[in-house]
Amino acid sequence: MPARDTSQQAHDHQVRLYRAMSPEQRSELALRMSDDLRRIAAEGIRTRHPDYSESEVRRALVAVFYGAETAAKVWPGLPVPPP
């Protein structure tokens, strides 16, 4: 499924590059992309809620990725801040 914000030519080139990578390279790329996504999401929470402590940002981030119920189980007794 091609991305809506990428030309077909760019998409095809990107797929060729991914296929040329070793499994280790693809795994490393996936980990970096995952880290980037968490960092960007946390920055979005901080931007929307500059008054949040780092603990609140972390709890809100867990709620975004895993759901509020999971965040509440990880930190019982603490509120789950809205993202």
PDB file of N, CA and C in Angstrom:
ATOM      1  N   MET A   1       0.844  -1.173   0.000  1.00  0.00           N
ATOM      2  CA  MET A   1       0.000   0.000   0.000  1.00  0.00           C
ATOM      3  C   MET A   1       0.891   1.237   0.000  1.00  0.00           C
ATOM      4  N   PRO A   2       0.911   1.988  -1.073  1.00  0.00           N
ATOM      5  CA  PRO A   2       1.733   3.188  -1.130  1.00  0.00           C
ATOM      6  C   PRO A   2       1.203   4.283  -0.214  1.00  0.00           C
ATOM      7  N   ALA A   3       2.124   5.056   0.308  1.00  0.00           N
ATOM      8  CA  ALA A   3       1.752   6.177   1.170  1.00  0.00           C
ATOM      9  C   ALA A   3       1.099   7.277   0.337  1.00  0.00           C
ATOM     10  N   ARG A   4       0.206   8.010   0.957  1.00  0.00           N
ATOM     11  CA  ARG A   4      -0.476   9.096   0.245  1.00  0.00           C
ATOM     12  C   ARG A   4       0.410  10.320   0.050  1.00  0.00           C
ATOM     13  N   ASP A   5       1.451  10.434   0.865  1.00  0.00           N
ATOM     14  CA  ASP A   5       2.299  11.625   0.783  1.00  0.00           C
ATOM     15  C   ASP A   5       3.604  11.358   0.026  1.00  0.00           C
ATOM     16  N   THR A   6       3.681  10.239  -0.689  1.00  0.00           N
ATOM     17  CA  THR A   6       4.898   9.857  -1.397  1.00  0.00           C
ATOM     18  C   THR A   6       4.540   9.440  -2.823  1.00  0.00           C
ATOM     19  N   SER A   7       5.354   9.875  -3.769  1.00  0.00           N
ATOM     20  CA  SER A   7       5.112   9.462  -5.157  1.00  0.00           C
ATOM     21  C   SER A   7       5.357   7.961  -5.281  1.00  0.00           C
ATOM     22  N   GLN A   8       4.763   7.373  -6.286  1.00  0.00           N
ATOM     23  CA  GLN A   8       4.950   5.940  -6.517  1.00  0.00           C
ATOM     24  C   GLN A   8       6.426   5.627  -6.767  1.00  0.00           C
ATOM     25  N   GLN A   9       7.097   6.498  -7.500  1.00  0.00           N
ATOM     26  CA  GLN A   9       8.520   6.294  -7.795  1.00  0.00           C
ATOM     27  C   GLN A   9       9.346   6.296  -6.507  1.00  0.00           C
ATOM     28  N   ALA A  10       9.079   7.242  -5.608  1.00  0.00           N
ATOM     29  CA  ALA A  10       9.798   7.298  -4.334  1.00  0.00           C
ATOM     30  C   ALA A  10       9.471   6.081  -3.475  1.00  0.00           C
ATOM     31  N   HIS A  11       8.218   5.676  -3.481  1.00  0.00           N
ATOM     32  CA  HIS A  11       7.811   4.491  -2.716  1.00  0.00           C
ATOM     33  C   HIS A  11       8.533   3.245  -3.222  1.00  0.00           C
ATOM     34  N   ASP A  12       8.554   3.058  -4.525  1.00  0.00           N
ATOM     35  CA  ASP A  12       9.231   1.894  -5.098  1.00  0.00           C
ATOM     36  C   ASP A  12      10.714   1.894  -4.754  1.00  0.00           C
ATOM     37  N   HIS A  13      11.337   3.061  -4.806  1.00  0.00           N
ATOM     38  CA  HIS A  13      12.764   3.174  -4.464  1.00  0.00           C
ATOM     39  C   HIS A  13      12.981   2.810  -2.992  1.00  0.00           C
ATOM     40  N   GLN A  14      12.126   3.292  -2.128  1.00  0.00           N
ATOM     41  CA  GLN A  14      12.249   2.989  -0.699  1.00  0.00           C
ATOM     42  C   GLN A  14      12.105   1.482  -0.449  1.00  0.00           C
ATOM     43  N   VAL A  15      11.155   0.854  -1.104  1.00  0.00           N
ATOM     44  CA  VAL A  15      10.962  -0.591  -0.951  1.00  0.00           C
ATOM     45  C   VAL A  15      12.205  -1.338  -1.417  1.00  0.00           C
ATOM     46  N   ARG A  16      12.792  -0.917  -2.541  1.00  0.00           N
ATOM     47  CA  ARG A  16      14.028  -1.561  -3.022  1.00  0.00           C
ATOM     48  C   ARG A  16      15.143  -1.435  -1.984  1.00  0.00           C
ATOM     49  N   LEU A  17      15.251  -0.259  -1.366  1.00  0.00           N
ATOM     50  CA  LEU A  17      16.278  -0.062  -0.340  1.00  0.00           C
ATOM     51  C   LEU A  17      16.040  -0.975   0.860  1.00  0.00           C
ATOM     52  N   TYR A  18      14.800  -1.081   1.305  1.00  0.00           N
ATOM     53  CA  TYR A  18      14.485  -1.966   2.435  1.00  0.00           C
ATOM     54  C   TYR A  18      14.819  -3.415   2.092  1.00  0.00           C
ATOM     55  N   ARG A  19      14.480  -3.844   0.899  1.00  0.00           N
ATOM     56  CA  ARG A  19      14.734  -5.233   0.498  1.00  0.00           C
ATOM     57  C   ARG A  19      16.229  -5.528   0.387  1.00  0.00           C
ATOM     58  N   ALA A  20      17.024  -4.508   0.112  1.00  0.00           N
ATOM     59  CA  ALA A  20      18.471  -4.694   0.000  1.00  0.00           C
ATOM     60  C   ALA A  20      19.144  -4.763   1.372  1.00  0.00           C
ATOM     61  N   MET A  21      18.443  -4.378   2.419  1.00  0.00           N
ATOM     62  CA  MET A  21      19.015  -4.393   3.767  1.00  0.00           C
ATOM     63  C   MET A  21      19.076  -5.810   4.311  1.00  0.00           C
ATOM     64  N   SER A  22      20.042  -6.030   5.167  1.00  0.00           N
ATOM     65  CA  SER A  22      20.114  -7.306   5.884  1.00  0.00           C
ATOM     66  C   SER A  22      19.028  -7.307   6.964  1.00  0.00           C
ATOM     67  N   PRO A  23      18.689  -8.469   7.483  1.00  0.00           N
ATOM     68  CA  PRO A  23      17.718  -8.509   8.587  1.00  0.00           C
ATOM     69  C   PRO A  23      18.167  -7.653   9.775  1.00  0.00           C
ATOM     70  N   GLU A  24      19.462  -7.654  10.056  1.00  0.00           N
ATOM     71  CA  GLU A  24      19.971  -6.845  11.167  1.00  0.00           C
ATOM     72  C   GLU A  24      19.773  -5.356  10.904  1.00  0.00           C
ATOM     73  N   GLN A  25      20.015  -4.939   9.670  1.00  0.00           N
ATOM     74  CA  GLN A  25      19.823  -3.523   9.321  1.00  0.00           C
ATOM     75  C   GLN A  25      18.356  -3.130   9.426  1.00  0.00           C
ATOM     76  N   ARG A  26      17.462  -4.002   8.961  1.00  0.00           N
ATOM     77  CA  ARG A  26      16.020  -3.701   9.063  1.00  0.00           C
ATOM     78  C   ARG A  26      15.580  -3.639  10.514  1.00  0.00           C
ATOM     79  N   SER A  27      16.116  -4.531  11.338  1.00  0.00           N
ATOM     80  CA  SER A  27      15.779  -4.506  12.770  1.00  0.00           C
ATOM     81  C   SER A  27      16.263  -3.217  13.413  1.00  0.00           C
ATOM     82  N   GLU A  28      17.484  -2.814  13.106  1.00  0.00           N
ATOM     83  CA  GLU A  28      18.029  -1.567  13.653  1.00  0.00           C
ATOM     84  C   GLU A  28      17.191  -0.373  13.215  1.00  0.00           C
ATOM     85  N   LEU A  29      16.801  -0.351  11.957  1.00  0.00           N
ATOM     86  CA  LEU A  29      15.957   0.737  11.452  1.00  0.00           C
ATOM     87  C   LEU A  29      14.616   0.759  12.177  1.00  0.00           C
ATOM     88  N   ALA A  30      14.022  -0.416  12.359  1.00  0.00           N
ATOM     89  CA  ALA A  30      12.731  -0.481  13.059  1.00  0.00           C
ATOM     90  C   ALA A  30      12.867   0.027  14.493  1.00  0.00           C
ATOM     91  N   LEU A  31      13.945  -0.328  15.167  1.00  0.00           N
ATOM     92  CA  LEU A  31      14.157   0.147  16.543  1.00  0.00           C
ATOM     93  C   LEU A  31      14.334   1.657  16.575  1.00  0.00           C
ATOM     94  N   ARG A  32      15.112   2.201  15.632  1.00  0.00           N
ATOM     95  CA  ARG A  32      15.305   3.658  15.591  1.00  0.00           C
ATOM     96  C   ARG A  32      13.994   4.378  15.309  1.00  0.00           C
ATOM     97  N   MET A  33      13.203   3.822  14.380  1.00  0.00           N
ATOM     98  CA  MET A  33      11.916   4.444  14.062  1.00  0.00           C
ATOM     99  C   MET A  33      10.985   4.397  15.268  1.00  0.00           C
ATOM    100  N   SER A  34      11.006   3.294  16.004  1.00  0.00           N
ATOM    101  CA  SER A  34      10.186   3.163  17.201  1.00  0.00           C
ATOM    102  C   SER A  34      10.617   4.184  18.262  1.00  0.00           C
ATOM    103  N   ASP A  35      11.917   4.325  18.461  1.00  0.00           N
ATOM    104  CA  ASP A  35      12.430   5.327  19.410  1.00  0.00           C
ATOM    105  C   ASP A  35      12.026   6.732  18.977  1.00  0.00           C
ATOM    106  N   ASP A  36      12.139   7.004  17.678  1.00  0.00           N
ATOM    107  CA  ASP A  36      11.751   8.321  17.164  1.00  0.00           C
ATOM    108  C   ASP A  36      10.273   8.596  17.406  1.00  0.00           C
ATOM    109  N   LEU A  37       9.439   7.586  17.180  1.00  0.00           N
ATOM    110  CA  LEU A  37       7.999   7.747  17.385  1.00  0.00           C
ATOM    111  C   LEU A  37       7.689   8.065  18.844  1.00  0.00           C
ATOM    112  N   ARG A  38       8.337   7.337  19.765  1.00  0.00           N
ATOM    113  CA  ARG A  38       8.120   7.615  21.197  1.00  0.00           C
ATOM    114  C   ARG A  38       8.576   9.021  21.565  1.00  0.00           C
ATOM    115  N   ARG A  39       9.728   9.429  21.031  1.00  0.00           N
ATOM    116  CA  ARG A  39      10.249  10.759  21.331  1.00  0.00           C
ATOM    117  C   ARG A  39       9.308  11.840  20.796  1.00  0.00           C
ATOM    118  N   ILE A  40       8.833  11.675  19.571  1.00  0.00           N
ATOM    119  CA  ILE A  40       7.932  12.663  18.965  1.00  0.00           C
ATOM    120  C   ILE A  40       6.612  12.718  19.726  1.00  0.00           C
ATOM    121  N   ALA A  41       6.080  11.558  20.098  1.00  0.00           N
ATOM    122  CA  ALA A  41       4.820  11.526  20.853  1.00  0.00           C
ATOM    123  C   ALA A  41       4.994  12.196  22.212  1.00  0.00           C
ATOM    124  N   ALA A  42       6.116  11.936  22.884  1.00  0.00           N
ATOM    125  CA  ALA A  42       6.369  12.572  24.189  1.00  0.00           C
ATOM    126  C   ALA A  42       6.493  14.084  24.035  1.00  0.00           C
ATOM    127  N   GLU A  43       7.150  14.533  22.983  1.00  0.00           N
ATOM    128  CA  GLU A  43       7.262  15.977  22.746  1.00  0.00           C
ATOM    129  C   GLU A  43       5.893  16.598  22.493  1.00  0.00           C
ATOM    130  N   GLY A  44       5.027  15.884  21.796  1.00  0.00           N
ATOM    131  CA  GLY A  44       3.666  16.382  21.577  1.00  0.00           C
ATOM    132  C   GLY A  44       2.914  16.527  22.886  1.00  0.00           C
ATOM    133  N   ILE A  45       3.071  15.557  23.777  1.00  0.00           N
ATOM    134  CA  ILE A  45       2.422  15.634  25.094  1.00  0.00           C
ATOM    135  C   ILE A  45       2.979  16.819  25.870  1.00  0.00           C
ATOM    136  N   ARG A  46       4.299  16.989  25.858  1.00  0.00           N
ATOM    137  CA  ARG A  46       4.911  18.126  26.568  1.00  0.00           C
ATOM    138  C   ARG A  46       4.438  19.465  26.006  1.00  0.00           C
ATOM    139  N   THR A  47       4.290  19.527  24.690  1.00  0.00           N
ATOM    140  CA  THR A  47       3.836  20.771  24.062  1.00  0.00           C
ATOM    141  C   THR A  47       2.402  21.093  24.473  1.00  0.00           C
ATOM    142  N   ARG A  48       1.546  20.066  24.489  1.00  0.00           N
ATOM    143  CA  ARG A  48       0.144  20.288  24.864  1.00  0.00           C
ATOM    144  C   ARG A  48      -0.028  20.520  26.362  1.00  0.00           C
ATOM    145  N   HIS A  49       0.895  19.959  27.149  1.00  0.00           N
ATOM    146  CA  HIS A  49       0.779  20.037  28.610  1.00  0.00           C
ATOM    147  C   HIS A  49       2.120  20.436  29.227  1.00  0.00           C
ATOM    148  N   PRO A  50       2.526  21.686  29.068  1.00  0.00           N
ATOM    149  CA  PRO A  50       3.833  22.113  29.587  1.00  0.00           C
ATOM    150  C   PRO A  50       3.946  22.008  31.106  1.00  0.00           C
ATOM    151  N   ASP A  51       2.822  21.878  31.772  1.00  0.00           N
ATOM    152  CA  ASP A  51       2.828  21.775  33.232  1.00  0.00           C
ATOM    153  C   ASP A  51       3.064  20.337  33.715  1.00  0.00           C
ATOM    154  N   TYR A  52       3.058  19.344  32.816  1.00  0.00           N
ATOM    155  CA  TYR A  52       3.249  17.948  33.221  1.00  0.00           C
ATOM    156  C   TYR A  52       4.683  17.712  33.690  1.00  0.00           C
ATOM    157  N   SER A  53       4.800  16.928  34.732  1.00  0.00           N
ATOM    158  CA  SER A  53       6.119  16.450  35.153  1.00  0.00           C
ATOM    159  C   SER A  53       6.557  15.345  34.178  1.00  0.00           C
ATOM    160  N   GLU A  54       7.819  14.941  34.268  1.00  0.00           N
ATOM    161  CA  GLU A  54       8.281  13.846  33.406  1.00  0.00           C
ATOM    162  C   GLU A  54       7.524  12.554  33.701  1.00  0.00           C
ATOM    163  N   SER A  55       7.158  12.360  34.955  1.00  0.00           N
ATOM    164  CA  SER A  55       6.377  11.172  35.321  1.00  0.00           C
ATOM    165  C   SER A  55       4.999  11.201  34.655  1.00  0.00           C
ATOM    166  N   GLU A  56       4.379  12.367  34.629  1.00  0.00           N
ATOM    167  CA  GLU A  56       3.067  12.484  33.979  1.00  0.00           C
ATOM    168  C   GLU A  56       3.188  12.274  32.465  1.00  0.00           C
ATOM    169  N   VAL A  57       4.250  12.809  31.878  1.00  0.00           N
ATOM    170  CA  VAL A  57       4.471  12.599  30.444  1.00  0.00           C
ATOM    171  C   VAL A  57       4.613  11.108  30.164  1.00  0.00           C
ATOM    172  N   ARG A  58       5.391  10.411  30.990  1.00  0.00           N
ATOM    173  CA  ARG A  58       5.605   8.972  30.820  1.00  0.00           C
ATOM    174  C   ARG A  58       4.289   8.207  30.937  1.00  0.00           C
ATOM    175  N   ARG A  59       3.473   8.555  31.940  1.00  0.00           N
ATOM    176  CA  ARG A  59       2.187   7.863  32.123  1.00  0.00           C
ATOM    177  C   ARG A  59       1.247   8.128  30.946  1.00  0.00           C
ATOM    178  N   ALA A  60       1.223   9.375  30.474  1.00  0.00           N
ATOM    179  CA  ALA A  60       0.374   9.710  29.324  1.00  0.00           C
ATOM    180  C   ALA A  60       0.856   8.982  28.074  1.00  0.00           C
ATOM    181  N   LEU A  61       2.162   8.854  27.932  1.00  0.00           N
ATOM    182  CA  LEU A  61       2.723   8.161  26.776  1.00  0.00           C
ATOM    183  C   LEU A  61       2.372   6.674  26.798  1.00  0.00           C
ATOM    184  N   VAL A  62       2.456   6.060  27.940  1.00  0.00           N
ATOM    185  CA  VAL A  62       2.061   4.646  28.062  1.00  0.00           C
ATOM    186  C   VAL A  62       0.582   4.499  27.724  1.00  0.00           C
ATOM    187  N   ALA A  63      -0.223   5.446  28.158  1.00  0.00           N
ATOM    188  CA  ALA A  63      -1.656   5.391  27.849  1.00  0.00           C
ATOM    189  C   ALA A  63      -1.892   5.502  26.339  1.00  0.00           C
ATOM    190  N   VAL A  64      -1.105   6.325  25.660  1.00  0.00           N
ATOM    191  CA  VAL A  64      -1.250   6.474  24.209  1.00  0.00           C
ATOM    192  C   VAL A  64      -0.932   5.152  23.509  1.00  0.00           C
ATOM    193  N   PHE A  65       0.166   4.533  23.884  1.00  0.00           N
ATOM    194  CA  PHE A  65       0.620   3.340  23.174  1.00  0.00           C
ATOM    195  C   PHE A  65      -0.057   2.051  23.621  1.00  0.00           C
ATOM    196  N   TYR A  66      -0.406   1.959  24.898  1.00  0.00           N
ATOM    197  CA  TYR A  66      -0.907   0.684  25.428  1.00  0.00           C
ATOM    198  C   TYR A  66      -2.297   0.778  26.046  1.00  0.00           C
ATOM    199  N   GLY A  67      -2.847   1.979  26.138  1.00  0.00           N
ATOM    200  CA  GLY A  67      -4.174   2.164  26.697  1.00  0.00           C
ATOM    201  C   GLY A  67      -4.136   2.632  28.142  1.00  0.00           C
ATOM    202  N   ALA A  68      -5.177   3.356  28.517  1.00  0.00           N
ATOM    203  CA  ALA A  68      -5.257   3.922  29.870  1.00  0.00           C
ATOM    204  C   ALA A  68      -5.337   2.833  30.931  1.00  0.00           C
ATOM    205  N   GLU A  69      -6.000   1.716  30.616  1.00  0.00           N
ATOM    206  CA  GLU A  69      -6.097   0.622  31.594  1.00  0.00           C
ATOM    207  C   GLU A  69      -4.722   0.064  31.936  1.00  0.00           C
ATOM    208  N   THR A  70      -3.886  -0.091  30.930  1.00  0.00           N
ATOM    209  CA  THR A  70      -2.537  -0.598  31.166  1.00  0.00           C
ATOM    210  C   THR A  70      -1.739   0.397  31.993  1.00  0.00           C
ATOM    211  N   ALA A  71      -1.818   1.677  31.653  1.00  0.00           N
ATOM    212  CA  ALA A  71      -1.102   2.696  32.416  1.00  0.00           C
ATOM    213  C   ALA A  71      -1.558   2.687  33.874  1.00  0.00           C
ATOM    214  N   ALA A  72      -2.840   2.521  34.100  1.00  0.00           N
ATOM    215  CA  ALA A  72      -3.361   2.479  35.470  1.00  0.00           C
ATOM    216  C   ALA A  72      -2.849   1.250  36.221  1.00  0.00           C
ATOM    217  N   LYS A  73      -2.660   0.139  35.524  1.00  0.00           N
ATOM    218  CA  LYS A  73      -2.122  -1.064  36.167  1.00  0.00           C
ATOM    219  C   LYS A  73      -0.636  -0.913  36.480  1.00  0.00           C
ATOM    220  N   VAL A  74       0.094  -0.221  35.608  1.00  0.00           N
ATOM    221  CA  VAL A  74       1.525  -0.023  35.833  1.00  0.00           C
ATOM    222  C   VAL A  74       1.756   0.924  37.007  1.00  0.00           C
ATOM    223  N   TRP A  75       0.924   1.946  37.119  1.00  0.00           N
ATOM    224  CA  TRP A  75       1.029   2.923  38.202  1.00  0.00           C
ATOM    225  C   TRP A  75      -0.282   2.959  38.990  1.00  0.00           C
ATOM    226  N   PRO A  76      -0.571   1.917  39.763  1.00  0.00           N
ATOM    227  CA  PRO A  76      -1.837   1.892  40.507  1.00  0.00           C
ATOM    228  C   PRO A  76      -1.901   3.055  41.491  1.00  0.00           C
ATOM    229  N   GLY A  77      -3.053   3.647  41.562  1.00  0.00           N
ATOM    230  CA  GLY A  77      -3.266   4.749  42.497  1.00  0.00           C
ATOM    231  C   GLY A  77      -2.897   6.110  41.951  1.00  0.00           C
ATOM    232  N   LEU A  78      -2.228   6.163  40.795  1.00  0.00           N
ATOM    233  CA  LEU A  78      -1.890   7.446  40.182  1.00  0.00           C
ATOM    234  C   LEU A  78      -2.831   7.697  39.019  1.00  0.00           C
ATOM    235  N   PRO A  79      -3.216   8.945  38.825  1.00  0.00           N
ATOM    236  CA  PRO A  79      -4.106   9.245  37.691  1.00  0.00           C
ATOM    237  C   PRO A  79      -3.375   9.064  36.368  1.00  0.00           C
ATOM    238  N   VAL A  80      -4.130   8.725  35.347  1.00  0.00           N
ATOM    239  CA  VAL A  80      -3.577   8.631  33.994  1.00  0.00           C
ATOM    240  C   VAL A  80      -3.865   9.970  33.318  1.00  0.00           C
ATOM    241  N   PRO A  81      -2.824  10.778  33.111  1.00  0.00           N
ATOM    242  CA  PRO A  81      -3.056  12.098  32.527  1.00  0.00           C
ATOM    243  C   PRO A  81      -3.470  11.994  31.060  1.00  0.00           C
ATOM    244  N   PRO A  82      -4.333  12.861  30.605  1.00  0.00           N
ATOM    245  CA  PRO A  82      -4.698  12.836  29.185  1.00  0.00           C
ATOM    246  C   PRO A  82      -3.500  13.254  28.322  1.00  0.00           C
ATOM    247  N   PRO A  83      -3.376  12.627  27.166  1.00  0.00           N
ATOM    248  CA  PRO A  83      -2.250  12.975  26.297  1.00  0.00           C
ATOM    249  C   PRO A  83      -2.483  14.303  25.623  1.00  0.00           C
TER     250      PRO A  83
END
